[in-house]
Amino acid sequence: LQRLGFKREATPFGRDETPRKEQFTLISNAMSCSACGADFQCINDQRPGYLPPDKYATQVKLSKIEDLQNLQEKAESQEWSPEDEIEYLIQTSGEDGNQEDMDMAEIDIESVASEMDIDLAEVASKKVICKRCHGLQNFGKVEQSLRPGWTEEPTLSQEKFRELLRPIRDKPAVIIALVDLFDFSGSVLPELDAIAGDNPVILAANKADLLPSEMGQARVENWVRRELQYLGIQSIANVGGAVRLVSCKTGFGIPGMLSKARRLAEDMDCDMYIVGAANAGKSTLINNILSKKEETYQKRGKVRAGNANKIKGAVTTSPLPGTTLKFIKIDLGEGKMLYDTPGLLVNGTLTQLLTPEELKMVVPKKKVEPITFRVASGKCVLVGGLAKIEVVGDSKPFLFTFFCANDIKLHPTDSTRADDYIAKHIGTLITPPLEPGPERLEQLGEFESHVVEIEGAGWKEAAADISLCGLGWVAVTGAGTAQVKITVPRGIGVSVRPPLMPYDIWEVAAKYTGGRAVRKSSKTKTGKRRKGVGRR
């Protein structure tokens, strides 16, 4: 009908303006984990998809019941085929093999379940997930052997994930590419063009809600397009491509982004795929879409023992990269499907080196409070124990504004005393890494330094951003030329880019006065004076 020019009716309910809430459904089967996509198994608890033998046996029985239900639906829709008949004979152990007497519509599924000692009502009220997802959802931890990038398990390898994504380019599809605004260079997939092919790409820039409120959306979208062009990503220019600012946590921007994706999918008669780097927020986005209730995230309150399970999403989310292991299918209705895909690890990202507890500190969860330091030659600022920003040579003092998670401890000091201070206070006053600090610092490996030269644009405008993959960025403001030395663990990406917030530094940042960070005094909507931010 679409090919003949028919279009969907714009107002199917006439003048009835009562909003119809869309019902999206997570599609799963009894033999796979609905939270990560892994196939269930009961042999090795150090591999994905593990279930205890008794639970696995129950899932095998449920799988047989599912097969009978599917065959019954086909028989009722008169789509019965010879292959379905053979499958029926196998499921019923060859009983009543005469097709003339066979009536799938009369099969009593509840009786079959009762013979298998399965209570369908009880099973339907429970969600069965694998051991790995149980640990991530309830404790935020996973064994090293089950963490992508930390294990040699073939099913968790990056090549396996790339094999899953490779066929997408060969068929019509709408690609939703998710990136993290606070780790832009570390979350843009270098292979995005190869994955998308000629398909339209909607780039969803996540964590827009954590940016200072003074930022304009149009300016951020234009900045994102410039950075994509600099990184050589061309698929955003495909027909139908777009940039959207979203928040997977609060739901900001998601309805509009999803509406555009659905319109493209209807025009192309295809499905949608969410792709992105590991830990970009794809599973959180899926949970938001499944809930379709923005207020659920805005008014969820604190997590306590009594309501922890109540607010848990259908798909496993975690600060750890690489939570989703296979495609997770979402039925959007009207024949359209949305697929969550495994995240790929981007080389040079610091988050791959951190423990779950350290990741909780590094990944921003609240609105970021930028803080500005005046750094002269011979001085430096420690970004926890993970990075050091230092001014060297004959450079004049410059202002360095740090945009990173509020839990990261920032400490200004003399360059000559920095190493001794780190050795003495790492894991306590200097975090992350956490205790045992010296051991964790050694595990991060050898550090390397990069020296960059930045030409100042004056005191009213930031000249450049120094991007630290996995940590955030530092805006540099001043006059003259500054030689900046950046020290990070070997292999971690460092780059200099045009500033995301060139004109807002004086308004949004707090200043470090030696004791605590203090924001420029101003009045709130109620007329009260604002106090300094909480960083120390």
Protein backbone atom coordinates (compact mmCIF):
# COMPACT_ATOMS: atom_id res chain seq x y z
CA LEU A 1 0.00 0.00 0.00
CA GLN A 2 2.91 2.36 0.74
CA ARG A 3 4.30 1.75 -2.75
CA LEU A 4 0.90 2.73 -4.22
CA GLY A 5 0.98 6.00 -2.32
CA PHE A 6 -1.23 5.17 0.66
CA LYS A 7 -0.24 6.92 3.88
CA ARG A 8 -1.09 6.32 7.53
CA GLU A 9 -4.11 8.29 8.76
CA ALA A 10 -2.88 11.27 10.77
CA THR A 11 -5.86 11.31 13.20
CA PRO A 12 -7.26 7.75 13.44
CA PHE A 13 -9.28 8.72 16.55
CA GLY A 14 -10.99 11.70 14.93
CA ARG A 15 -11.28 14.63 17.29
CA ASP A 16 -10.64 12.53 20.38
CA GLU A 17 -7.44 14.11 21.73
CA THR A 18 -6.92 11.57 24.51
CA PRO A 19 -3.25 10.46 24.17
CA ARG A 20 -2.76 6.80 23.30
CA LYS A 21 0.27 5.38 25.10
CA GLU A 22 2.36 3.19 22.82
CA GLN A 23 3.02 -0.31 24.12
CA PHE A 24 6.46 -1.64 23.27
CA THR A 25 7.34 -5.26 24.02
CA LEU A 26 10.64 -6.95 24.79
CA ILE A 27 10.83 -10.08 22.60
CA SER A 28 12.64 -13.01 24.22
CA ASN A 29 12.53 -16.79 24.37
CA ALA A 30 12.93 -19.33 27.12
CA MET A 31 16.47 -20.32 26.12
CA SER A 32 18.09 -16.87 26.10
CA CYS A 33 18.65 -14.19 28.74
CA SER A 34 16.29 -11.29 28.08
CA ALA A 35 18.63 -8.89 29.89
CA CYS A 36 21.81 -9.43 27.84
CA GLY A 37 20.81 -11.73 24.95
CA ALA A 38 23.17 -14.61 25.84
CA ASP A 39 22.01 -18.22 25.28
CA PHE A 40 21.34 -20.10 28.52
CA GLN A 41 23.67 -22.94 29.52
CA CYS A 42 24.28 -24.89 32.74
CA ILE A 43 27.77 -26.30 32.16
CA ASN A 44 30.24 -23.51 32.99
CA ASP A 45 29.49 -20.64 35.37
CA GLN A 46 32.52 -18.75 33.99
CA ARG A 47 30.82 -18.35 30.61
CA PRO A 48 27.89 -16.09 29.67
CA GLY A 49 24.32 -17.35 30.04
CA TYR A 50 24.89 -19.65 33.03
CA LEU A 51 21.88 -20.96 34.98
CA PRO A 52 21.86 -23.51 37.80
CA PRO A 53 20.92 -26.98 36.44
CA ASP A 54 17.45 -27.01 38.01
CA LYS A 55 16.53 -23.60 36.55
CA TYR A 56 18.02 -24.58 33.21
CA ALA A 57 15.87 -27.74 33.13
CA THR A 58 12.78 -25.59 33.75
CA GLN A 59 13.74 -23.31 30.85
CA VAL A 60 14.14 -26.33 28.54
CA LYS A 61 10.58 -27.39 29.38
CA LEU A 62 9.32 -23.85 28.80
CA SER A 63 11.07 -23.83 25.44
CA LYS A 64 9.09 -26.90 24.36
CA ILE A 65 5.85 -25.20 25.46
CA GLU A 66 6.83 -22.09 23.49
CA ASP A 67 7.39 -24.22 20.39
CA LEU A 68 3.92 -25.76 20.77
CA GLN A 69 2.38 -22.29 21.19
CA ASN A 70 4.09 -21.06 18.03
CA LEU A 71 2.87 -24.09 16.07
CA GLN A 72 -0.63 -23.57 17.43
CA GLU A 73 -0.62 -19.93 16.28
CA LYS A 74 0.50 -20.99 12.81
CA ALA A 75 -2.24 -23.61 12.61
CA GLU A 76 -4.87 -21.04 13.61
CA SER A 77 -3.59 -18.66 10.94
CA GLN A 78 -3.60 -21.47 8.31
CA GLU A 79 0.15 -21.15 7.76
CA TRP A 80 0.80 -24.84 8.50
CA SER A 81 3.70 -26.24 6.45
CA PRO A 82 5.28 -29.69 6.08
CA GLU A 83 8.17 -28.48 8.26
CA ASP A 84 5.70 -27.46 10.96
CA GLU A 85 4.07 -30.89 10.79
CA ILE A 86 7.42 -32.58 11.32
CA GLU A 87 8.14 -30.24 14.23
CA TYR A 88 4.76 -31.11 15.73
CA LEU A 89 5.49 -34.83 15.47
CA ILE A 90 8.80 -34.30 17.23
CA GLN A 91 7.24 -32.23 20.01
CA THR A 92 4.47 -34.78 20.61
CA SER A 93 6.83 -37.79 20.27
CA GLY A 94 4.97 -38.99 17.17
CA GLU A 95 1.61 -39.43 18.88
CA ASP A 96 -1.49 -38.95 16.75
CA GLY A 97 0.51 -38.65 13.57
CA ASN A 98 -2.50 -38.67 11.25
CA GLN A 99 -2.70 -35.12 9.88
CA GLU A 100 -6.43 -35.49 9.14
CA ASP A 101 -7.14 -36.02 12.84
CA MET A 102 -4.63 -33.44 13.98
CA ASP A 103 -6.02 -30.14 15.21
CA MET A 104 -3.40 -27.87 16.76
CA ALA A 105 -6.06 -25.40 17.80
CA GLU A 106 -7.44 -27.97 20.27
CA ILE A 107 -4.15 -28.61 22.04
CA ASP A 108 -4.45 -27.65 25.69
CA ILE A 109 -1.19 -25.87 26.50
CA GLU A 110 -2.02 -25.76 30.21
CA SER A 111 -2.45 -29.54 30.32
CA VAL A 112 0.91 -30.02 28.59
CA ALA A 113 2.52 -27.66 31.11
CA SER A 114 0.86 -29.51 33.99
CA GLU A 115 2.28 -32.83 32.74
CA MET A 116 5.74 -31.16 32.76
CA ASP A 117 5.09 -29.93 36.32
CA ILE A 118 5.18 -26.28 35.14
CA ASP A 119 2.94 -23.60 36.68
CA LEU A 120 2.52 -21.14 33.80
CA ALA A 121 1.03 -18.42 36.04
CA GLU A 122 3.96 -18.59 38.43
CA VAL A 123 6.52 -18.66 35.61
CA ALA A 124 4.93 -15.66 33.89
CA SER A 125 5.33 -13.58 37.07
CA LYS A 126 9.08 -14.17 37.21
CA LYS A 127 11.91 -12.94 34.99
CA VAL A 128 14.76 -15.41 34.58
CA ILE A 129 18.19 -13.90 33.86
CA CYS A 130 21.65 -15.40 33.73
CA LYS A 131 24.14 -15.38 36.62
CA ARG A 132 26.21 -12.62 34.99
CA CYS A 133 23.21 -10.27 34.68
CA HIS A 134 22.10 -11.09 38.22
CA GLY A 135 25.47 -9.96 39.56
CA LEU A 136 25.45 -6.78 37.48
CA GLN A 137 21.87 -5.80 38.31
CA ASN A 138 22.02 -6.50 42.05
CA PHE A 139 25.65 -5.92 43.00
CA GLY A 140 27.15 -3.99 40.07
CA LYS A 141 29.95 -6.52 39.79
CA VAL A 142 31.09 -9.15 37.33
CA GLU A 143 33.95 -11.61 37.37
CA GLN A 144 36.93 -10.75 35.20
CA SER A 145 36.32 -13.87 33.07
CA LEU A 146 32.91 -12.44 32.08
CA ARG A 147 34.00 -8.87 31.24
CA PRO A 148 34.66 -8.00 27.58
CA GLY A 149 38.19 -6.75 27.09
CA TRP A 150 39.41 -8.50 30.25
CA THR A 151 38.95 -12.10 29.10
CA GLU A 152 39.82 -14.37 26.19
CA GLU A 153 36.33 -15.94 26.12
CA PRO A 154 35.43 -16.19 22.38
CA THR A 155 31.79 -15.18 22.86
CA LEU A 156 32.95 -11.94 24.54
CA SER A 157 35.54 -11.02 21.92
CA GLN A 158 35.30 -7.82 19.91
CA GLU A 159 35.56 -9.79 16.67
CA LYS A 160 32.47 -11.78 17.66
CA PHE A 161 30.54 -8.55 18.28
CA ARG A 162 31.69 -7.11 14.93
CA GLU A 163 30.47 -10.27 13.16
CA LEU A 164 27.01 -9.67 14.62
CA LEU A 165 26.97 -6.08 13.33
CA ARG A 166 28.49 -6.72 9.90
CA PRO A 167 25.27 -7.87 8.06
CA ILE A 168 23.41 -4.62 8.93
CA ARG A 169 24.99 -2.66 6.07
CA ASP A 170 23.72 -5.16 3.50
CA LYS A 171 20.01 -4.60 4.20
CA PRO A 172 17.71 -1.58 4.59
CA ALA A 173 17.88 -0.34 8.18
CA VAL A 174 17.68 2.80 10.27
CA ILE A 175 20.78 3.22 12.44
CA ILE A 176 20.58 5.01 15.80
CA ALA A 177 24.22 5.67 16.75
CA LEU A 178 24.59 6.57 20.42
CA VAL A 179 27.54 8.69 21.63
CA ASP A 180 28.48 10.17 25.01
CA LEU A 181 28.86 13.97 25.03
CA PHE A 182 31.23 13.74 28.01
CA ASP A 183 33.45 11.21 26.25
CA PHE A 184 32.83 12.13 22.63
CA SER A 185 36.08 10.98 21.04
CA GLY A 186 36.00 7.80 23.12
CA SER A 187 32.43 6.87 22.19
CA VAL A 188 32.26 7.55 18.42
CA LEU A 189 32.73 4.23 16.62
CA PRO A 190 35.55 4.49 14.04
CA GLU A 191 33.74 1.77 12.04
CA LEU A 192 30.36 3.54 12.07
CA ASP A 193 30.46 4.16 8.30
CA ALA A 194 31.24 0.49 7.66
CA ILE A 195 28.35 -0.64 9.89
CA ALA A 196 25.79 1.75 8.39
CA GLY A 197 26.66 1.53 4.70
CA ASP A 198 24.16 3.71 2.80
CA ASN A 199 21.52 3.52 5.54
CA PRO A 200 20.38 6.67 7.35
CA VAL A 201 22.16 7.39 10.64
CA ILE A 202 20.54 9.29 13.51
CA LEU A 203 23.33 10.25 15.89
CA ALA A 204 21.93 10.48 19.44
CA ALA A 205 24.24 12.52 21.69
CA ASN A 206 23.61 11.17 25.20
CA LYS A 207 23.88 12.98 28.58
CA ALA A 208 22.68 16.30 27.20
CA ASP A 209 20.94 16.83 30.55
CA LEU A 210 24.31 16.93 32.33
CA LEU A 211 25.54 19.92 30.34
CA PRO A 212 25.21 23.35 31.99
CA SER A 213 21.75 24.80 31.37
CA GLU A 214 23.29 27.81 29.61
CA MET A 215 24.26 25.64 26.65
CA GLY A 216 22.08 26.05 23.57
CA GLN A 217 20.98 22.87 21.76
CA ALA A 218 21.67 24.27 18.28
CA ARG A 219 25.24 25.14 19.24
CA VAL A 220 25.88 21.66 20.66
CA GLU A 221 24.41 19.97 17.57
CA ASN A 222 26.61 22.09 15.27
CA TRP A 223 29.65 21.26 17.38
CA VAL A 224 28.83 17.54 17.14
CA ARG A 225 28.60 17.77 13.35
CA ARG A 226 31.99 19.54 13.16
CA GLU A 227 33.63 16.90 15.33
CA LEU A 228 32.13 14.07 13.26
CA GLN A 229 33.52 15.68 10.13
CA TYR A 230 36.94 16.02 11.78
CA LEU A 231 36.85 12.34 12.83
CA GLY A 232 36.02 11.34 9.25
CA ILE A 233 32.48 10.03 9.96
CA GLN A 234 30.55 10.52 6.72
CA SER A 235 27.46 8.33 7.19
CA ILE A 236 25.72 11.13 9.13
CA ALA A 237 25.34 12.82 5.72
CA ASN A 238 23.31 9.89 4.32
CA VAL A 239 19.76 10.71 3.27
CA GLY A 240 17.64 10.92 6.45
CA GLY A 241 20.63 11.43 8.75
CA ALA A 242 20.32 13.75 11.76
CA VAL A 243 21.85 14.76 15.11
CA ARG A 244 19.66 14.66 18.22
CA LEU A 245 20.49 15.59 21.82
CA VAL A 246 19.05 13.06 24.28
CA SER A 247 19.28 11.80 27.83
CA CYS A 248 18.84 8.05 28.14
CA LYS A 249 18.33 8.44 31.88
CA THR A 250 15.67 11.17 32.03
CA GLY A 251 14.08 10.61 28.62
CA PHE A 252 14.92 14.09 27.33
CA GLY A 253 14.80 14.17 23.51
CA ILE A 254 14.01 10.46 23.13
CA PRO A 255 10.36 10.75 21.89
CA GLY A 256 11.37 13.10 19.07
CA MET A 257 14.38 11.00 18.12
CA LEU A 258 12.33 7.79 18.12
CA SER A 259 9.55 9.40 16.07
CA LYS A 260 12.02 10.40 13.35
CA ALA A 261 13.52 6.88 13.34
CA ARG A 262 10.06 5.31 13.00
CA ARG A 263 9.10 7.61 10.12
CA LEU A 264 12.27 6.62 8.28
CA ALA A 265 11.64 2.92 9.05
CA GLU A 266 8.09 3.16 7.68
CA ASP A 267 9.28 4.88 4.51
CA MET A 268 12.00 2.25 4.00
CA ASP A 269 9.91 -0.67 5.33
CA CYS A 270 12.74 -1.81 7.58
CA ASP A 271 13.80 -2.23 11.22
CA MET A 272 15.92 -0.04 13.51
CA TYR A 273 19.25 -0.82 15.17
CA ILE A 274 20.90 0.94 18.12
CA VAL A 275 24.70 0.82 17.79
CA GLY A 276 27.50 2.48 19.71
CA ALA A 277 30.56 2.09 21.86
CA ALA A 278 30.46 0.01 25.02
CA ASN A 279 29.07 2.01 27.95
CA ALA A 280 27.52 4.72 25.76
CA GLY A 281 24.06 4.07 27.28
CA LYS A 282 22.32 1.84 24.72
CA SER A 283 20.71 -0.48 27.27
CA THR A 284 19.55 2.50 29.35
CA LEU A 285 17.96 3.89 26.19
CA ILE A 286 16.16 0.57 25.60
CA ASN A 287 14.83 0.56 29.17
CA ASN A 288 13.57 4.11 28.71
CA ILE A 289 11.80 3.18 25.46
CA LEU A 290 10.24 0.10 27.08
CA SER A 291 8.92 2.15 29.98
CA LYS A 292 7.69 5.08 27.83
CA LYS A 293 7.30 7.06 31.05
CA GLU A 294 9.68 9.96 31.38
CA GLU A 295 8.31 10.73 34.83
CA THR A 296 9.47 7.30 36.02
CA TYR A 297 13.06 8.49 35.76
CA GLN A 298 12.45 12.03 36.95
CA LYS A 299 10.57 11.03 40.12
CA ARG A 300 12.10 7.68 40.90
CA GLY A 301 13.57 8.76 44.26
CA LYS A 302 16.39 7.04 46.09
CA VAL A 303 17.18 3.37 45.69
CA ARG A 304 16.44 1.56 48.92
CA ALA A 305 16.16 -2.08 49.89
CA GLY A 306 12.39 -1.99 49.52
CA ASN A 307 12.22 -0.53 46.01
CA ALA A 308 15.46 -1.62 44.32
CA ASN A 309 13.75 -4.28 42.20
CA LYS A 310 10.78 -2.04 41.44
CA ILE A 311 12.86 0.45 39.41
CA LYS A 312 15.10 -2.15 37.75
CA GLY A 313 14.97 -2.10 33.96
CA ALA A 314 14.20 -5.02 31.68
CA VAL A 315 17.66 -4.87 30.08
CA THR A 316 20.82 -5.05 32.18
CA THR A 317 22.61 -1.71 32.60
CA SER A 318 25.94 -1.16 34.33
CA PRO A 319 28.85 1.29 34.43
CA LEU A 320 30.92 -1.63 33.13
CA PRO A 321 31.47 -1.57 29.35
CA GLY A 322 30.09 -4.48 27.33
CA THR A 323 26.89 -5.45 29.18
CA THR A 324 24.83 -6.55 26.14
CA LEU A 325 26.24 -9.65 24.41
CA LYS A 326 23.77 -10.35 21.57
CA PHE A 327 20.90 -8.63 19.78
CA ILE A 328 17.94 -7.80 22.03
CA LYS A 329 14.69 -7.44 20.10
CA ILE A 330 11.96 -4.89 20.88
CA ASP A 331 8.57 -5.02 19.15
CA LEU A 332 7.47 -1.44 18.43
CA GLY A 333 4.19 -2.56 16.90
CA GLU A 334 2.91 -2.38 13.33
CA GLY A 335 5.59 -4.82 12.21
CA LYS A 336 8.55 -2.62 13.22
CA MET A 337 11.39 -3.94 15.38
CA LEU A 338 14.13 -2.17 17.33
CA TYR A 339 17.35 -4.04 18.12
CA ASP A 340 19.81 -3.32 20.93
CA THR A 341 23.27 -4.44 19.82
CA PRO A 342 26.51 -5.26 21.69
CA GLY A 343 28.74 -2.26 22.32
CA LEU A 344 32.22 -2.16 20.82
CA LEU A 345 35.29 -1.16 22.79
CA VAL A 346 37.03 1.94 21.41
CA ASN A 347 40.81 1.82 21.69
CA GLY A 348 42.40 4.37 24.00
CA THR A 349 39.49 4.73 26.44
CA LEU A 350 40.38 4.89 30.12
CA THR A 351 37.17 3.20 31.30
CA GLN A 352 38.48 -0.14 30.05
CA LEU A 353 41.16 -0.07 32.78
CA LEU A 354 38.93 0.72 35.76
CA THR A 355 37.13 -1.45 38.30
CA PRO A 356 33.33 -1.28 38.72
CA GLU A 357 33.67 0.92 41.83
CA GLU A 358 36.02 3.31 40.02
CA LEU A 359 33.73 3.46 36.99
CA LYS A 360 30.88 4.66 39.20
CA MET A 361 33.05 7.64 40.14
CA VAL A 362 34.28 8.43 36.62
CA VAL A 363 31.00 8.12 34.66
CA PRO A 364 28.92 11.31 35.27
CA LYS A 365 25.47 10.66 36.74
CA LYS A 366 24.53 14.18 37.88
CA LYS A 367 24.81 17.62 36.27
CA VAL A 368 28.54 18.32 36.05
CA GLU A 369 29.92 21.23 38.10
CA PRO A 370 32.86 22.64 36.10
CA ILE A 371 35.70 24.12 38.13
CA THR A 372 38.40 26.54 36.93
CA PHE A 373 42.03 26.66 38.09
CA ARG A 374 44.60 29.33 37.30
CA VAL A 375 47.71 27.34 36.40
CA ALA A 376 51.09 29.01 35.95
CA SER A 377 54.29 27.51 34.59
CA GLY A 378 55.64 24.86 36.95
CA LYS A 379 52.18 24.16 38.38
CA CYS A 380 49.79 21.29 37.63
CA VAL A 381 46.36 19.88 38.42
CA LEU A 382 45.90 16.21 39.33
CA VAL A 383 42.74 14.59 37.91
CA GLY A 384 42.52 11.97 40.62
CA GLY A 385 45.43 9.65 40.06
CA LEU A 386 44.46 9.09 36.43
CA ALA A 387 45.84 12.20 34.70
CA LYS A 388 48.00 15.28 35.27
CA ILE A 389 47.60 18.62 33.44
CA GLU A 390 50.76 20.74 33.68
CA VAL A 391 51.95 24.07 32.27
CA VAL A 392 55.61 23.98 31.20
CA GLY A 393 58.19 26.28 29.64
CA ASP A 394 57.91 30.08 29.64
CA SER A 395 54.13 30.03 29.29
CA LYS A 396 52.04 32.70 30.98
CA PRO A 397 49.34 31.58 33.43
CA PHE A 398 46.21 30.16 31.79
CA LEU A 399 42.77 29.17 33.07
CA PHE A 400 41.92 25.47 32.91
CA THR A 401 38.23 24.56 33.34
CA PHE A 402 37.63 20.88 34.11
CA PHE A 403 34.46 19.16 32.86
CA CYS A 404 34.45 15.74 34.53
CA ALA A 405 32.39 13.72 37.01
CA ASN A 406 31.89 15.48 40.35
CA ASP A 407 33.28 12.49 42.28
CA ILE A 408 36.74 12.81 40.72
CA LYS A 409 39.10 14.62 43.12
CA LEU A 410 40.91 17.55 41.50
CA HIS A 411 44.06 18.81 43.24
CA PRO A 412 46.35 21.70 42.19
CA THR A 413 49.99 21.49 43.26
CA ASP A 414 53.58 22.17 42.22
CA SER A 415 54.82 19.96 39.38
CA THR A 416 57.92 19.03 41.41
CA ARG A 417 55.81 17.70 44.30
CA ALA A 418 53.08 15.98 42.27
CA ASP A 419 54.64 12.50 42.12
CA ASP A 420 55.40 12.43 45.86
CA TYR A 421 51.89 13.62 46.68
CA ILE A 422 50.34 10.92 44.48
CA ALA A 423 52.51 8.19 46.04
CA LYS A 424 51.51 9.31 49.55
CA HIS A 425 47.76 9.92 49.07
CA ILE A 426 46.67 7.75 46.13
CA GLY A 427 43.46 5.88 46.99
CA THR A 428 42.59 8.23 49.89
CA LEU A 429 42.83 11.98 49.17
CA ILE A 430 43.53 11.29 45.51
CA THR A 431 40.78 9.18 43.89
CA PRO A 432 40.24 7.35 41.63
CA PRO A 433 41.87 4.82 41.63
CA LEU A 434 40.57 3.49 44.92
CA GLU A 435 42.33 1.55 47.63
CA PRO A 436 44.70 -0.20 47.62
CA GLY A 437 45.91 2.87 45.75
CA PRO A 438 49.56 1.96 45.04
CA GLU A 439 48.57 -1.48 43.75
CA ARG A 440 45.83 -0.10 41.50
CA LEU A 441 48.20 2.56 40.18
CA GLU A 442 50.68 -0.15 39.29
CA GLN A 443 47.94 -2.14 37.55
CA LEU A 444 47.13 0.86 35.33
CA GLY A 445 50.62 0.47 33.86
CA GLU A 446 53.24 2.95 32.78
CA PHE A 447 52.24 6.59 32.25
CA GLU A 448 53.22 8.66 29.22
CA SER A 449 53.24 12.41 28.56
CA HIS A 450 52.05 14.48 25.62
CA VAL A 451 53.05 18.13 25.13
CA VAL A 452 50.67 20.36 23.16
CA GLU A 453 50.87 24.03 22.29
CA ILE A 454 47.70 26.11 22.55
CA GLU A 455 47.35 29.63 21.17
CA GLY A 456 45.12 31.65 23.48
CA ALA A 457 42.08 33.52 22.15
CA GLY A 458 41.84 36.05 24.98
CA TRP A 459 40.23 35.98 28.41
CA LYS A 460 36.64 36.10 27.17
CA GLU A 461 36.79 32.96 25.05
CA ALA A 462 38.18 29.45 25.49
CA ALA A 463 40.83 28.66 22.90
CA ALA A 464 40.56 24.85 22.86
CA ASP A 465 39.43 21.75 24.71
CA ILE A 466 41.85 19.03 25.80
CA SER A 467 39.91 15.76 25.55
CA LEU A 468 40.86 12.86 27.83
CA CYS A 469 39.21 9.65 26.57
CA GLY A 470 37.03 8.24 29.32
CA LEU A 471 37.49 11.18 31.73
CA GLY A 472 35.95 14.27 30.13
CA TRP A 473 37.64 17.43 28.87
CA VAL A 474 39.50 20.56 29.95
CA ALA A 475 38.75 23.99 28.41
CA VAL A 476 41.82 26.25 28.10
CA THR A 477 41.41 30.06 28.32
CA GLY A 478 44.05 32.77 28.21
CA ALA A 479 46.22 35.12 26.17
CA GLY A 480 49.48 34.25 24.47
CA THR A 481 50.82 30.73 23.97
CA ALA A 482 50.68 27.90 26.50
CA GLN A 483 52.69 24.72 26.47
CA VAL A 484 50.61 22.07 28.21
CA LYS A 485 51.94 18.68 29.30
CA ILE A 486 49.31 15.95 29.71
CA THR A 487 50.26 12.75 31.53
CA VAL A 488 47.97 9.70 31.27
CA PRO A 489 48.35 5.89 31.30
CA ARG A 490 50.08 4.63 28.15
CA GLY A 491 47.69 4.15 25.23
CA ILE A 492 44.94 6.44 26.55
CA GLY A 493 43.71 8.88 23.92
CA VAL A 494 44.47 12.59 24.27
CA SER A 495 43.37 15.16 21.69
CA VAL A 496 42.96 18.91 21.23
CA ARG A 497 39.69 20.07 19.65
CA PRO A 498 37.62 23.27 19.17
CA PRO A 499 35.92 24.20 22.44
CA LEU A 500 32.41 22.95 23.11
CA MET A 501 31.69 25.90 25.44
CA PRO A 502 33.91 28.78 24.25
CA TYR A 503 31.87 31.66 25.73
CA ASP A 504 30.35 30.18 28.88
CA ILE A 505 33.37 29.51 31.10
CA TRP A 506 32.92 32.59 33.30
CA GLU A 507 29.23 31.87 33.88
CA VAL A 508 29.11 28.14 34.52
CA ALA A 509 32.43 27.34 36.19
CA ALA A 510 33.41 27.57 39.85
CA LYS A 511 36.79 28.98 40.82
CA TYR A 512 39.23 27.29 43.16
CA THR A 513 40.27 29.70 45.94
CA GLY A 514 42.64 27.40 47.81
CA GLY A 515 40.09 25.92 50.23
CA ARG A 516 37.09 25.07 48.12
CA ALA A 517 35.44 25.75 44.76
CA VAL A 518 33.30 28.89 44.75
CA ARG A 519 30.87 29.90 42.01
CA LYS A 520 30.29 33.54 41.10
CA SER A 521 27.54 34.84 43.42
CA SER A 522 24.15 35.24 41.80
CA LYS A 523 20.49 35.06 42.74
CA THR A 524 18.20 32.08 42.35
CA LYS A 525 14.60 32.31 41.15
CA THR A 526 13.48 32.77 44.77
CA GLY A 527 15.86 35.70 45.26
CA LYS A 528 18.37 33.88 47.48
CA ARG A 529 22.10 34.11 46.93
CA ARG A 530 23.73 31.04 45.42
CA LYS A 531 26.41 29.34 47.49
CA GLY A 532 29.61 27.69 46.36
CA VAL A 533 29.51 24.24 44.84
CA GLY A 534 30.47 21.19 46.86
CA ARG A 535 33.85 20.28 45.38
CA ARG A 536 36.77 20.41 47.81
